[in-house]
Amino acid sequence: MRTTVTLDPDVAEKLHAYAHRHGLSFKKALNELLRRGLHSQQSPAERRRFQVDPHRGGFRPGIDAARLNQLIDELEVSDFIREAREAP
């Protein structure tokens, strides 16, 4: 069957290179690549289902969640004091 197709320049260049590399005519290379592309669309590879294993959340024993903000404040104050001492 004869059909006119307009190829983008980059596609035509890659198709010519493929045909040359594999010793095929332009027509055979085009048909081969189209078949391969269409076939891959028809039967996608079966993928394993992604599974997430749930874990219990929360803090480790001994960590007081209510005191975390206090710890952050203390660390920020320490950084501020250190930077103030290093400033000229």
PDB file of N, CA and C in Angstrom:
ATOM      1  N   MET A   1       0.839  -1.169   0.000  1.00  0.00           N
ATOM      2  CA  MET A   1       0.000   0.000   0.000  1.00  0.00           C
ATOM      3  C   MET A   1       0.890   1.240   0.000  1.00  0.00           C
ATOM      4  N   ARG A   2       0.562   2.176  -0.804  1.00  0.00           N
ATOM      5  CA  ARG A   2       1.337   3.400  -0.925  1.00  0.00           C
ATOM      6  C   ARG A   2       0.651   4.503  -0.126  1.00  0.00           C
ATOM      7  N   THR A   3       1.430   5.161   0.749  1.00  0.00           N
ATOM      8  CA  THR A   3       0.906   6.252   1.560  1.00  0.00           C
ATOM      9  C   THR A   3       1.970   7.338   1.660  1.00  0.00           C
ATOM     10  N   THR A   4       1.552   8.572   1.635  1.00  0.00           N
ATOM     11  CA  THR A   4       2.488   9.682   1.801  1.00  0.00           C
ATOM     12  C   THR A   4       2.510  10.075   3.270  1.00  0.00           C
ATOM     13  N   VAL A   5       3.715  10.121   3.817  1.00  0.00           N
ATOM     14  CA  VAL A   5       3.894  10.483   5.222  1.00  0.00           C
ATOM     15  C   VAL A   5       4.924  11.600   5.286  1.00  0.00           C
ATOM     16  N   THR A   6       4.652  12.612   6.073  1.00  0.00           N
ATOM     17  CA  THR A   6       5.616  13.695   6.269  1.00  0.00           C
ATOM     18  C   THR A   6       6.328  13.453   7.593  1.00  0.00           C
ATOM     19  N   LEU A   7       7.646  13.258   7.497  1.00  0.00           N
ATOM     20  CA  LEU A   7       8.445  12.996   8.697  1.00  0.00           C
ATOM     21  C   LEU A   7       9.152  14.270   9.131  1.00  0.00           C
ATOM     22  N   ASP A   8       9.270  14.444  10.424  1.00  0.00           N
ATOM     23  CA  ASP A   8      10.081  15.541  10.939  1.00  0.00           C
ATOM     24  C   ASP A   8      11.528  15.266  10.550  1.00  0.00           C
ATOM     25  N   PRO A   9      12.320  16.302  10.317  1.00  0.00           N
ATOM     26  CA  PRO A   9      13.702  16.104   9.874  1.00  0.00           C
ATOM     27  C   PRO A   9      14.528  15.211  10.800  1.00  0.00           C
ATOM     28  N   ASP A  10      14.365  15.369  12.115  1.00  0.00           N
ATOM     29  CA  ASP A  10      15.153  14.547  13.041  1.00  0.00           C
ATOM     30  C   ASP A  10      14.754  13.080  12.957  1.00  0.00           C
ATOM     31  N   VAL A  11      13.462  12.814  12.737  1.00  0.00           N
ATOM     32  CA  VAL A  11      12.985  11.433  12.622  1.00  0.00           C
ATOM     33  C   VAL A  11      13.510  10.816  11.333  1.00  0.00           C
ATOM     34  N   ALA A  12      13.449  11.568  10.241  1.00  0.00           N
ATOM     35  CA  ALA A  12      13.939  11.064   8.953  1.00  0.00           C
ATOM     36  C   ALA A  12      15.428  10.751   9.037  1.00  0.00           C
ATOM     37  N   GLU A  13      16.180  11.618   9.706  1.00  0.00           N
ATOM     38  CA  GLU A  13      17.622  11.404   9.846  1.00  0.00           C
ATOM     39  C   GLU A  13      17.914  10.127  10.635  1.00  0.00           C
ATOM     40  N   LYS A  14      17.198   9.936  11.731  1.00  0.00           N
ATOM     41  CA  LYS A  14      17.406   8.729  12.537  1.00  0.00           C
ATOM     42  C   LYS A  14      16.985   7.479  11.776  1.00  0.00           C
ATOM     43  N   LEU A  15      15.923   7.589  10.995  1.00  0.00           N
ATOM     44  CA  LEU A  15      15.447   6.455  10.211  1.00  0.00           C
ATOM     45  C   LEU A  15      16.457   6.083   9.129  1.00  0.00           C
ATOM     46  N   HIS A  16      17.014   7.079   8.447  1.00  0.00           N
ATOM     47  CA  HIS A  16      18.049   6.813   7.440  1.00  0.00           C
ATOM     48  C   HIS A  16      19.267   6.162   8.088  1.00  0.00           C
ATOM     49  N   ALA A  17      19.673   6.661   9.254  1.00  0.00           N
ATOM     50  CA  ALA A  17      20.834   6.094   9.952  1.00  0.00           C
ATOM     51  C   ALA A  17      20.563   4.649  10.355  1.00  0.00           C
ATOM     52  N   TYR A  18      19.354   4.373  10.844  1.00  0.00           N
ATOM     53  CA  TYR A  18      18.983   3.009  11.234  1.00  0.00           C
ATOM     54  C   TYR A  18      19.031   2.081  10.024  1.00  0.00           C
ATOM     55  N   ALA A  19      18.463   2.535   8.911  1.00  0.00           N
ATOM     56  CA  ALA A  19      18.442   1.719   7.689  1.00  0.00           C
ATOM     57  C   ALA A  19      19.861   1.422   7.230  1.00  0.00           C
ATOM     58  N   HIS A  20      20.721   2.420   7.243  1.00  0.00           N
ATOM     59  CA  HIS A  20      22.113   2.233   6.820  1.00  0.00           C
ATOM     60  C   HIS A  20      22.852   1.266   7.748  1.00  0.00           C
ATOM     61  N   ARG A  21      22.669   1.461   9.049  1.00  0.00           N
ATOM     62  CA  ARG A  21      23.343   0.621  10.046  1.00  0.00           C
ATOM     63  C   ARG A  21      22.952  -0.842   9.926  1.00  0.00           C
ATOM     64  N   HIS A  22      21.686  -1.102   9.570  1.00  0.00           N
ATOM     65  CA  HIS A  22      21.191  -2.474   9.496  1.00  0.00           C
ATOM     66  C   HIS A  22      21.130  -3.019   8.072  1.00  0.00           C
ATOM     67  N   GLY A  23      21.624  -2.256   7.122  1.00  0.00           N
ATOM     68  CA  GLY A  23      21.651  -2.711   5.736  1.00  0.00           C
ATOM     69  C   GLY A  23      20.262  -2.899   5.147  1.00  0.00           C
ATOM     70  N   LEU A  24      19.342  -2.032   5.487  1.00  0.00           N
ATOM     71  CA  LEU A  24      17.962  -2.131   5.013  1.00  0.00           C
ATOM     72  C   LEU A  24      17.637  -0.952   4.110  1.00  0.00           C
ATOM     73  N   SER A  25      16.621  -1.146   3.298  1.00  0.00           N
ATOM     74  CA  SER A  25      16.108  -0.013   2.533  1.00  0.00           C
ATOM     75  C   SER A  25      15.332   0.879   3.497  1.00  0.00           C
ATOM     76  N   PHE A  26      15.125   2.115   3.075  1.00  0.00           N
ATOM     77  CA  PHE A  26      14.369   3.053   3.900  1.00  0.00           C
ATOM     78  C   PHE A  26      12.985   2.494   4.201  1.00  0.00           C
ATOM     79  N   LYS A  27      12.343   1.931   3.179  1.00  0.00           N
ATOM     80  CA  LYS A  27      10.992   1.377   3.321  1.00  0.00           C
ATOM     81  C   LYS A  27      10.962   0.230   4.328  1.00  0.00           C
ATOM     82  N   LYS A  28      11.935  -0.698   4.210  1.00  0.00           N
ATOM     83  CA  LYS A  28      11.963  -1.844   5.134  1.00  0.00           C
ATOM     84  C   LYS A  28      12.247  -1.388   6.563  1.00  0.00           C
ATOM     85  N   ALA A  29      13.146  -0.429   6.715  1.00  0.00           N
ATOM     86  CA  ALA A  29      13.459   0.079   8.053  1.00  0.00           C
ATOM     87  C   ALA A  29      12.231   0.736   8.671  1.00  0.00           C
ATOM     88  N   LEU A  30      11.525   1.535   7.878  1.00  0.00           N
ATOM     89  CA  LEU A  30      10.324   2.203   8.368  1.00  0.00           C
ATOM     90  C   LEU A  30       9.274   1.188   8.798  1.00  0.00           C
ATOM     91  N   ASN A  31       9.022   0.178   7.965  1.00  0.00           N
ATOM     92  CA  ASN A  31       8.034  -0.849   8.302  1.00  0.00           C
ATOM     93  C   ASN A  31       8.437  -1.631   9.549  1.00  0.00           C
ATOM     94  N   GLU A  32       9.725  -1.972   9.656  1.00  0.00           N
ATOM     95  CA  GLU A  32      10.198  -2.735  10.815  1.00  0.00           C
ATOM     96  C   GLU A  32       9.994  -1.951  12.110  1.00  0.00           C
ATOM     97  N   LEU A  33      10.381  -0.689  12.094  1.00  0.00           N
ATOM     98  CA  LEU A  33      10.263   0.122  13.305  1.00  0.00           C
ATOM     99  C   LEU A  33       8.809   0.418  13.651  1.00  0.00           C
ATOM    100  N   LEU A  34       7.976   0.636  12.640  1.00  0.00           N
ATOM    101  CA  LEU A  34       6.546   0.841  12.904  1.00  0.00           C
ATOM    102  C   LEU A  34       5.915  -0.407  13.503  1.00  0.00           C
ATOM    103  N   ARG A  35       6.237  -1.576  12.932  1.00  0.00           N
ATOM    104  CA  ARG A  35       5.701  -2.831  13.479  1.00  0.00           C
ATOM    105  C   ARG A  35       6.113  -3.011  14.934  1.00  0.00           C
ATOM    106  N   ARG A  36       7.399  -2.781  15.190  1.00  0.00           N
ATOM    107  CA  ARG A  36       7.920  -2.953  16.546  1.00  0.00           C
ATOM    108  C   ARG A  36       7.225  -1.988  17.520  1.00  0.00           C
ATOM    109  N   GLY A  37       7.066  -0.746  17.112  1.00  0.00           N
ATOM    110  CA  GLY A  37       6.413   0.241  17.967  1.00  0.00           C
ATOM    111  C   GLY A  37       4.949  -0.073  18.205  1.00  0.00           C
ATOM    112  N   LEU A  38       4.245  -0.488  17.149  1.00  0.00           N
ATOM    113  CA  LEU A  38       2.825  -0.815  17.297  1.00  0.00           C
ATOM    114  C   LEU A  38       2.629  -2.083  18.117  1.00  0.00           C
ATOM    115  N   HIS A  39       3.517  -3.044  17.940  1.00  0.00           N
ATOM    116  CA  HIS A  39       3.409  -4.291  18.702  1.00  0.00           C
ATOM    117  C   HIS A  39       3.616  -4.027  20.194  1.00  0.00           C
ATOM    118  N   SER A  40       4.556  -3.156  20.521  1.00  0.00           N
ATOM    119  CA  SER A  40       4.811  -2.883  21.944  1.00  0.00           C
ATOM    120  C   SER A  40       3.620  -2.179  22.586  1.00  0.00           C
ATOM    121  N   GLN A  41       2.829  -1.471  21.797  1.00  0.00           N
ATOM    122  CA  GLN A  41       1.641  -0.810  22.322  1.00  0.00           C
ATOM    123  C   GLN A  41       0.506  -1.795  22.557  1.00  0.00           C
ATOM    124  N   GLN A  42       0.460  -2.878  21.784  1.00  0.00           N
ATOM    125  CA  GLN A  42      -0.632  -3.840  21.889  1.00  0.00           C
ATOM    126  C   GLN A  42      -0.486  -4.750  23.095  1.00  0.00           C
ATOM    127  N   SER A  43       0.711  -5.153  23.404  1.00  0.00           N
ATOM    128  CA  SER A  43       0.892  -6.104  24.505  1.00  0.00           C
ATOM    129  C   SER A  43       1.944  -5.573  25.479  1.00  0.00           C
ATOM    130  N   PRO A  44       1.544  -4.667  26.344  1.00  0.00           N
ATOM    131  CA  PRO A  44       2.510  -4.132  27.300  1.00  0.00           C
ATOM    132  C   PRO A  44       2.989  -5.230  28.249  1.00  0.00           C
ATOM    133  N   ALA A  45       4.231  -5.116  28.635  1.00  0.00           N
ATOM    134  CA  ALA A  45       4.797  -6.103  29.553  1.00  0.00           C
ATOM    135  C   ALA A  45       4.036  -6.068  30.875  1.00  0.00           C
ATOM    136  N   GLU A  46       3.788  -7.237  31.396  1.00  0.00           N
ATOM    137  CA  GLU A  46       3.077  -7.317  32.674  1.00  0.00           C
ATOM    138  C   GLU A  46       3.999  -6.840  33.780  1.00  0.00           C
ATOM    139  N   ARG A  47       3.501  -5.945  34.580  1.00  0.00           N
ATOM    140  CA  ARG A  47       4.311  -5.394  35.662  1.00  0.00           C
ATOM    141  C   ARG A  47       3.885  -5.990  36.992  1.00  0.00           C
ATOM    142  N   ARG A  48       4.888  -6.163  37.847  1.00  0.00           N
ATOM    143  CA  ARG A  48       4.573  -6.623  39.198  1.00  0.00           C
ATOM    144  C   ARG A  48       3.869  -5.505  39.937  1.00  0.00           C
ATOM    145  N   ARG A  49       2.907  -5.890  40.712  1.00  0.00           N
ATOM    146  CA  ARG A  49       2.161  -4.907  41.494  1.00  0.00           C
ATOM    147  C   ARG A  49       3.071  -4.338  42.576  1.00  0.00           C
ATOM    148  N   PHE A  50       3.082  -3.033  42.699  1.00  0.00           N
ATOM    149  CA  PHE A  50       3.873  -2.367  43.727  1.00  0.00           C
ATOM    150  C   PHE A  50       3.144  -2.498  45.050  1.00  0.00           C
ATOM    151  N   GLN A  51       3.860  -2.939  46.050  1.00  0.00           N
ATOM    152  CA  GLN A  51       3.228  -3.165  47.343  1.00  0.00           C
ATOM    153  C   GLN A  51       3.962  -2.384  48.422  1.00  0.00           C
ATOM    154  N   VAL A  52       3.202  -1.740  49.269  1.00  0.00           N
ATOM    155  CA  VAL A  52       3.761  -1.001  50.396  1.00  0.00           C
ATOM    156  C   VAL A  52       3.441  -1.777  51.659  1.00  0.00           C
ATOM    157  N   ASP A  53       4.481  -2.069  52.421  1.00  0.00           N
ATOM    158  CA  ASP A  53       4.279  -2.758  53.692  1.00  0.00           C
ATOM    159  C   ASP A  53       4.106  -1.711  54.788  1.00  0.00           C
ATOM    160  N   PRO A  54       2.938  -1.649  55.392  1.00  0.00           N
ATOM    161  CA  PRO A  54       2.707  -0.631  56.420  1.00  0.00           C
ATOM    162  C   PRO A  54       3.487  -0.946  57.700  1.00  0.00           C
ATOM    163  N   HIS A  55       3.926   0.109  58.329  1.00  0.00           N
ATOM    164  CA  HIS A  55       4.622  -0.017  59.608  1.00  0.00           C
ATOM    165  C   HIS A  55       3.956   0.923  60.603  1.00  0.00           C
ATOM    166  N   ARG A  56       4.039   0.557  61.843  1.00  0.00           N
ATOM    167  CA  ARG A  56       3.452   1.387  62.886  1.00  0.00           C
ATOM    168  C   ARG A  56       4.246   2.680  62.974  1.00  0.00           C
ATOM    169  N   GLY A  57       3.560   3.791  62.960  1.00  0.00           N
ATOM    170  CA  GLY A  57       4.223   5.085  63.054  1.00  0.00           C
ATOM    171  C   GLY A  57       4.401   5.498  64.496  1.00  0.00           C
ATOM    172  N   GLY A  58       4.845   6.702  64.668  1.00  0.00           N
ATOM    173  CA  GLY A  58       5.000   7.236  66.008  1.00  0.00           C
ATOM    174  C   GLY A  58       6.458   7.357  66.395  1.00  0.00           C
ATOM    175  N   PHE A  59       6.665   7.821  67.606  1.00  0.00           N
ATOM    176  CA  PHE A  59       8.012   8.040  68.106  1.00  0.00           C
ATOM    177  C   PHE A  59       8.497   6.829  68.890  1.00  0.00           C
ATOM    178  N   ARG A  60       9.790   6.707  68.954  1.00  0.00           N
ATOM    179  CA  ARG A  60      10.390   5.622  69.731  1.00  0.00           C
ATOM    180  C   ARG A  60      10.138   5.866  71.216  1.00  0.00           C
ATOM    181  N   PRO A  61      10.156   4.800  71.977  1.00  0.00           N
ATOM    182  CA  PRO A  61       9.969   4.972  73.423  1.00  0.00           C
ATOM    183  C   PRO A  61      11.037   5.911  73.998  1.00  0.00           C
ATOM    184  N   GLY A  62      10.615   6.784  74.878  1.00  0.00           N
ATOM    185  CA  GLY A  62      11.547   7.714  75.504  1.00  0.00           C
ATOM    186  C   GLY A  62      11.601   9.073  74.835  1.00  0.00           C
ATOM    187  N   ILE A  63      11.002   9.217  73.656  1.00  0.00           N
ATOM    188  CA  ILE A  63      10.979  10.511  72.976  1.00  0.00           C
ATOM    189  C   ILE A  63       9.640  11.169  73.262  1.00  0.00           C
ATOM    190  N   ASP A  64       9.718  12.338  73.866  1.00  0.00           N
ATOM    191  CA  ASP A  64       8.511  13.079  74.221  1.00  0.00           C
ATOM    192  C   ASP A  64       8.193  14.043  73.082  1.00  0.00           C
ATOM    193  N   ALA A  65       7.133  13.760  72.363  1.00  0.00           N
ATOM    194  CA  ALA A  65       6.767  14.572  71.204  1.00  0.00           C
ATOM    195  C   ALA A  65       6.495  16.017  71.594  1.00  0.00           C
ATOM    196  N   ALA A  66       5.996  16.240  72.783  1.00  0.00           N
ATOM    197  CA  ALA A  66       5.681  17.596  73.235  1.00  0.00           C
ATOM    198  C   ALA A  66       6.944  18.427  73.436  1.00  0.00           C
ATOM    199  N   ARG A  67       8.080  17.781  73.649  1.00  0.00           N
ATOM    200  CA  ARG A  67       9.324  18.512  73.908  1.00  0.00           C
ATOM    201  C   ARG A  67      10.152  18.730  72.650  1.00  0.00           C
ATOM    202  N   LEU A  68       9.705  18.222  71.512  1.00  0.00           N
ATOM    203  CA  LEU A  68      10.481  18.388  70.281  1.00  0.00           C
ATOM    204  C   LEU A  68      10.607  19.858  69.889  1.00  0.00           C
ATOM    205  N   ASN A  69       9.536  20.629  70.040  1.00  0.00           N
ATOM    206  CA  ASN A  69       9.616  22.061  69.721  1.00  0.00           C
ATOM    207  C   ASN A  69      10.620  22.770  70.624  1.00  0.00           C
ATOM    208  N   GLN A  70      10.667  22.365  71.879  1.00  0.00           N
ATOM    209  CA  GLN A  70      11.632  22.957  72.806  1.00  0.00           C
ATOM    210  C   GLN A  70      13.056  22.639  72.345  1.00  0.00           C
ATOM    211  N   LEU A  71      13.289  21.422  71.917  1.00  0.00           N
ATOM    212  CA  LEU A  71      14.610  21.022  71.432  1.00  0.00           C
ATOM    213  C   LEU A  71      15.001  21.837  70.196  1.00  0.00           C
ATOM    214  N   ILE A  72      14.063  22.021  69.282  1.00  0.00           N
ATOM    215  CA  ILE A  72      14.337  22.815  68.079  1.00  0.00           C
ATOM    216  C   ILE A  72      14.692  24.250  68.466  1.00  0.00           C
ATOM    217  N   ASP A  73      13.942  24.818  69.404  1.00  0.00           N
ATOM    218  CA  ASP A  73      14.235  26.181  69.860  1.00  0.00           C
ATOM    219  C   ASP A  73      15.636  26.268  70.446  1.00  0.00           C
ATOM    220  N   GLU A  74      16.021  25.292  71.250  1.00  0.00           N
ATOM    221  CA  GLU A  74      17.349  25.290  71.865  1.00  0.00           C
ATOM    222  C   GLU A  74      18.439  25.204  70.799  1.00  0.00           C
ATOM    223  N   LEU A  75      18.220  24.386  69.780  1.00  0.00           N
ATOM    224  CA  LEU A  75      19.207  24.263  68.710  1.00  0.00           C
ATOM    225  C   LEU A  75      19.325  25.565  67.917  1.00  0.00           C
ATOM    226  N   GLU A  76      18.193  26.220  67.662  1.00  0.00           N
ATOM    227  CA  GLU A  76      18.222  27.490  66.933  1.00  0.00           C
ATOM    228  C   GLU A  76      18.942  28.566  67.734  1.00  0.00           C
ATOM    229  N   VAL A  77      18.717  28.599  69.040  1.00  0.00           N
ATOM    230  CA  VAL A  77      19.399  29.576  69.893  1.00  0.00           C
ATOM    231  C   VAL A  77      20.895  29.310  69.878  1.00  0.00           C
ATOM    232  N   SER A  78      21.289  28.046  69.957  1.00  0.00           N
ATOM    233  CA  SER A  78      22.713  27.696  69.925  1.00  0.00           C
ATOM    234  C   SER A  78      23.348  28.150  68.612  1.00  0.00           C
ATOM    235  N   ASP A  79      22.661  27.924  67.495  1.00  0.00           N
ATOM    236  CA  ASP A  79      23.178  28.358  66.191  1.00  0.00           C
ATOM    237  C   ASP A  79      23.290  29.880  66.125  1.00  0.00           C
ATOM    238  N   PHE A  80      22.288  30.572  66.652  1.00  0.00           N
ATOM    239  CA  PHE A  80      22.288  32.036  66.636  1.00  0.00           C
ATOM    240  C   PHE A  80      23.479  32.578  67.429  1.00  0.00           C
ATOM    241  N   ILE A  81      23.717  32.026  68.607  1.00  0.00           N
ATOM    242  CA  ILE A  81      24.825  32.479  69.456  1.00  0.00           C
ATOM    243  C   ILE A  81      26.159  32.214  68.762  1.00  0.00           C
ATOM    244  N   ARG A  82      26.313  31.039  68.180  1.00  0.00           N
ATOM    245  CA  ARG A  82      27.557  30.692  67.489  1.00  0.00           C
ATOM    246  C   ARG A  82      27.806  31.646  66.319  1.00  0.00           C
ATOM    247  N   GLU A  83      26.775  31.926  65.526  1.00  0.00           N
ATOM    248  CA  GLU A  83      26.927  32.830  64.382  1.00  0.00           C
ATOM    249  C   GLU A  83      27.217  34.255  64.840  1.00  0.00           C
ATOM    250  N   ALA A  84      26.612  34.664  65.956  1.00  0.00           N
ATOM    251  CA  ALA A  84      26.849  36.019  66.471  1.00  0.00           C
ATOM    252  C   ALA A  84      28.291  36.173  66.929  1.00  0.00           C
ATOM    253  N   ARG A  85      28.867  35.143  67.505  1.00  0.00           N
ATOM    254  CA  ARG A  85      30.262  35.189  67.965  1.00  0.00           C
ATOM    255  C   ARG A  85      31.230  35.218  66.787  1.00  0.00           C
ATOM    256  N   GLU A  86      30.869  34.551  65.690  1.00  0.00           N
ATOM    257  CA  GLU A  86      31.758  34.473  64.529  1.00  0.00           C
ATOM    258  C   GLU A  86      31.678  35.718  63.654  1.00  0.00           C
ATOM    259  N   ALA A  87      30.620  36.508  63.808  1.00  0.00           N
ATOM    260  CA  ALA A  87      30.446  37.702  62.973  1.00  0.00           C
ATOM    261  C   ALA A  87      31.509  38.735  63.328  1.00  0.00           C
ATOM    262  N   PRO A  88      32.002  39.491  62.331  1.00  0.00           N
ATOM    263  CA  PRO A  88      33.066  40.493  62.606  1.00  0.00           C
ATOM    264  C   PRO A  88      32.582  41.673  63.405  1.00  0.00           C
TER     265      PRO A  88
END
